[in-house]
């Protein structure tokens, strides 16, 4: 699997790959989220979620899901994953497109039909295919044992830590600090828009 260079080169240079020595809670994390796929002015035609295996061993994600719920909803849509993510590698989950605007993504590792919202939502990496039912209040999904990672952004009602990551636009993505390596368990501190 390859590292996506979906951020502008100047930003990508700032997020150059660093050693996997940052605080960590899980071996696989959400490293990027883009919700403007196909929107007017969007650089890419599809929404996407990118994962990173920060561990030193391959992780089999067969049967795992990337799940999404709108900002205050507890209704989740799931995209099933398959295969393994090698140590230090990224895994691209291509999602819906609003229109034929923007460039095509690199070949994805998984595809789904979920349409992410720019203004806010919740992304969960889950160890199974069962749709979550949490998310109405802060910390409710983090308490679910099958949740490997959770990112709440914008107006999300649930997130890791003291607050959600920033909202997105048609031209910005959420990027986890240090090319995906930083995981302090606080979404508003671990992510920035780029």
Protein backbone atom coordinates (compact mmCIF):
# COMPACT_ATOMS: atom_id res chain seq x y z
CA UNK A 1 0.00 0.00 0.00
CA UNK A 2 1.24 3.50 -0.67
CA UNK A 3 1.04 6.83 1.12
CA UNK A 4 -1.46 9.08 -0.56
CA UNK A 5 -0.19 12.48 -1.53
CA UNK A 6 -3.64 14.01 -1.49
CA UNK A 7 -2.60 17.16 0.33
CA UNK A 8 -0.89 20.00 -1.50
CA UNK A 9 2.87 19.49 -1.75
CA UNK A 10 3.64 22.31 0.70
CA UNK A 11 1.44 20.72 3.36
CA UNK A 12 2.71 17.23 2.57
CA UNK A 13 6.26 18.46 3.12
CA UNK A 14 5.26 19.72 6.57
CA UNK A 15 3.70 16.34 7.36
CA UNK A 16 6.70 14.31 6.18
CA UNK A 17 6.78 10.76 7.51
CA UNK A 18 8.34 10.59 10.98
CA UNK A 19 9.23 7.61 13.14
CA UNK A 20 6.33 5.81 14.79
CA UNK A 21 7.23 6.97 18.30
CA UNK A 22 4.29 9.18 19.23
CA UNK A 23 1.66 8.51 21.86
CA UNK A 24 -0.61 5.76 20.62
CA UNK A 25 -3.80 4.05 21.65
CA UNK A 26 -4.34 1.72 18.69
CA UNK A 27 -2.16 0.26 15.97
CA UNK A 28 -4.42 1.39 13.10
CA UNK A 29 -5.77 4.93 13.07
CA UNK A 30 -7.69 7.25 10.77
CA UNK A 31 -4.98 9.44 9.23
CA UNK A 32 -7.02 11.58 6.79
CA UNK A 33 -10.66 12.42 6.06
CA UNK A 34 -11.93 14.25 2.96
CA UNK A 35 -15.65 15.04 2.64
CA UNK A 36 -15.81 17.37 -0.37
CA UNK A 37 -15.66 14.74 -3.12
CA UNK A 38 -17.29 16.06 -6.29
CA UNK A 39 -18.41 19.34 -4.71
CA UNK A 40 -17.86 22.61 -6.59
CA UNK A 41 -14.14 23.43 -6.44
CA UNK A 42 -13.19 20.06 -4.92
CA UNK A 43 -9.73 18.74 -5.82
CA UNK A 44 -10.98 15.12 -5.73
CA UNK A 45 -14.06 13.45 -7.16
CA UNK A 46 -14.72 11.20 -4.15
CA UNK A 47 -14.87 11.47 -0.39
CA UNK A 48 -12.27 9.28 1.33
CA UNK A 49 -10.92 8.01 4.62
CA UNK A 50 -7.28 7.01 4.84
CA UNK A 51 -5.99 4.63 7.52
CA UNK A 52 -2.44 4.12 8.80
CA UNK A 53 -0.91 1.05 10.45
CA UNK A 54 1.44 2.60 13.00
CA UNK A 55 2.57 -0.74 14.42
CA UNK A 56 5.59 -2.85 13.59
CA UNK A 57 3.52 -5.79 12.32
CA UNK A 58 0.92 -6.32 9.61
CA UNK A 59 -2.69 -5.91 10.73
CA UNK A 60 -5.42 -8.02 9.09
CA UNK A 61 -8.48 -5.77 8.69
CA UNK A 62 -10.68 -8.39 7.02
CA UNK A 63 -14.20 -7.95 8.36
CA UNK A 64 -13.42 -4.58 9.93
CA UNK A 65 -15.47 -1.55 8.86
CA UNK A 66 -15.08 2.17 8.46
CA UNK A 67 -18.33 3.64 9.72
CA UNK A 68 -19.82 7.14 9.37
CA UNK A 69 -22.66 8.92 11.16
CA UNK A 70 -23.78 12.53 10.57
CA UNK A 71 -22.84 15.09 13.24
CA UNK A 72 -25.59 14.42 15.81
CA UNK A 73 -26.96 11.13 14.50
CA UNK A 74 -26.58 7.63 15.94
CA UNK A 75 -27.36 5.95 12.59
CA UNK A 76 -24.13 4.61 11.11
CA UNK A 77 -23.27 3.51 7.55
CA UNK A 78 -20.52 0.91 7.20
CA UNK A 79 -17.93 0.15 4.51
CA UNK A 80 -16.35 -3.29 4.85
CA UNK A 81 -12.56 -3.64 4.68
CA UNK A 82 -10.47 -6.61 3.54
CA UNK A 83 -6.83 -7.63 3.41
CA UNK A 84 -3.94 -6.53 5.57
CA UNK A 85 -2.16 -3.25 6.17
CA UNK A 86 1.61 -3.64 6.35
CA UNK A 87 3.62 -1.82 9.04
CA UNK A 88 3.89 1.91 8.29
CA UNK A 89 1.54 1.65 5.31
CA UNK A 90 -1.67 3.45 4.44
CA UNK A 91 -5.05 2.06 3.35
CA UNK A 92 -7.41 4.11 1.19
CA UNK A 93 -11.20 3.82 1.56
CA UNK A 94 -12.91 5.56 -1.37
CA UNK A 95 -16.43 6.77 -0.64
CA UNK A 96 -19.23 8.62 -2.48
CA UNK A 97 -19.03 11.45 -4.99
CA UNK A 98 -21.45 14.35 -5.33
CA UNK A 99 -20.62 14.98 -9.01
CA UNK A 100 -17.93 14.51 -11.63
CA UNK A 101 -15.77 17.34 -10.23
CA UNK A 102 -12.12 16.86 -9.28
CA UNK A 103 -9.43 14.31 -9.97
CA UNK A 104 -9.80 10.58 -9.48
CA UNK A 105 -8.27 9.10 -6.34
CA UNK A 106 -5.43 6.56 -6.59
CA UNK A 107 -6.60 2.94 -6.69
CA UNK A 108 -8.46 2.38 -3.41
CA UNK A 109 -8.04 -0.57 -1.05
CA UNK A 110 -11.80 -0.54 -0.28
CA UNK A 111 -14.83 1.27 -1.70
CA UNK A 112 -18.14 2.34 -0.25
CA UNK A 113 -21.12 4.56 -1.03
CA UNK A 114 -21.17 6.71 2.11
CA UNK A 115 -21.45 10.46 1.51
CA UNK A 116 -19.58 12.42 4.20
CA UNK A 117 -20.69 15.91 5.31
CA UNK A 118 -18.24 18.81 5.39
CA UNK A 119 -19.85 20.56 8.34
CA UNK A 120 -19.52 17.69 10.78
CA UNK A 121 -19.69 13.97 11.31
CA UNK A 122 -18.18 10.95 13.01
CA UNK A 123 -15.82 8.37 11.50
CA UNK A 124 -15.19 5.12 13.40
CA UNK A 125 -12.80 2.30 12.59
CA UNK A 126 -14.54 -0.79 13.95
CA UNK A 127 -13.27 -4.38 14.45
CA UNK A 128 -16.47 -5.92 13.06
CA UNK A 129 -19.38 -5.31 10.69
CA UNK A 130 -22.04 -4.49 13.27
CA UNK A 131 -23.34 -0.95 12.84
CA UNK A 132 -22.68 1.21 15.88
CA UNK A 133 -25.58 2.73 17.85
CA UNK A 134 -23.56 5.25 19.89
CA UNK A 135 -22.62 8.85 19.17
CA UNK A 136 -25.28 10.98 20.83
CA UNK A 137 -22.88 12.25 23.51
CA UNK A 138 -19.15 12.83 23.80
CA UNK A 139 -17.24 9.68 24.69
CA UNK A 140 -20.10 7.26 24.00
CA UNK A 141 -18.42 5.55 21.02
CA UNK A 142 -14.93 5.52 22.57
CA UNK A 143 -16.38 3.29 25.29
CA UNK A 144 -17.39 0.61 22.73
CA UNK A 145 -14.78 -2.17 22.78
CA UNK A 146 -14.95 -2.84 19.02
CA UNK A 147 -13.98 0.76 18.15
CA UNK A 148 -10.30 0.94 17.20
CA UNK A 149 -10.35 4.67 16.43
CA UNK A 150 -12.92 7.49 16.41
CA UNK A 151 -12.79 10.90 14.78
CA UNK A 152 -15.50 13.48 15.38
CA UNK A 153 -15.21 16.69 13.36
CA UNK A 154 -17.07 19.97 12.98
CA UNK A 155 -20.41 19.88 14.80
CA UNK A 156 -20.02 16.23 15.88
CA UNK A 157 -21.77 15.23 19.10
CA UNK A 158 -19.15 12.53 19.81
CA UNK A 159 -15.37 12.61 19.51
CA UNK A 160 -12.21 11.54 21.34
CA UNK A 161 -11.02 13.88 24.09
CA UNK A 162 -12.21 17.39 24.89
CA UNK A 163 -13.49 18.45 21.48
CA UNK A 164 -13.97 17.55 17.81
CA UNK A 165 -11.51 18.16 15.00
CA UNK A 166 -12.26 21.16 12.76
CA UNK A 167 -15.05 21.19 10.16
CA UNK A 168 -14.12 20.66 6.51
CA UNK A 169 -14.85 22.35 3.20
CA UNK A 170 -14.90 21.24 -0.44
CA UNK A 171 -11.17 21.98 -0.63
CA UNK A 172 -9.84 20.86 2.76
CA UNK A 173 -9.15 17.50 4.41
CA UNK A 174 -8.52 16.53 8.00
CA UNK A 175 -4.95 15.33 8.45
CA UNK A 176 -3.68 13.66 11.62
CA UNK A 177 -0.43 15.23 12.83
CA UNK A 178 2.96 13.68 11.96
CA UNK A 179 1.59 11.98 8.82
CA UNK A 180 -0.89 10.03 10.91
CA UNK A 181 1.41 8.96 13.74
CA UNK A 182 0.16 11.24 16.53
CA UNK A 183 -2.70 9.87 18.62
CA UNK A 184 -3.13 11.60 21.96
CA UNK A 185 -6.80 10.60 22.12
CA UNK A 186 -7.93 14.21 21.58
CA UNK A 187 -9.41 14.88 18.13
CA UNK A 188 -9.15 18.67 18.29
CA UNK A 189 -5.41 18.40 19.11
CA UNK A 190 -4.48 15.52 16.78
CA UNK A 191 -6.04 16.84 13.55
CA UNK A 192 -5.75 19.97 11.44
CA UNK A 193 -7.30 20.94 8.12
CA UNK A 194 -5.09 21.18 5.06
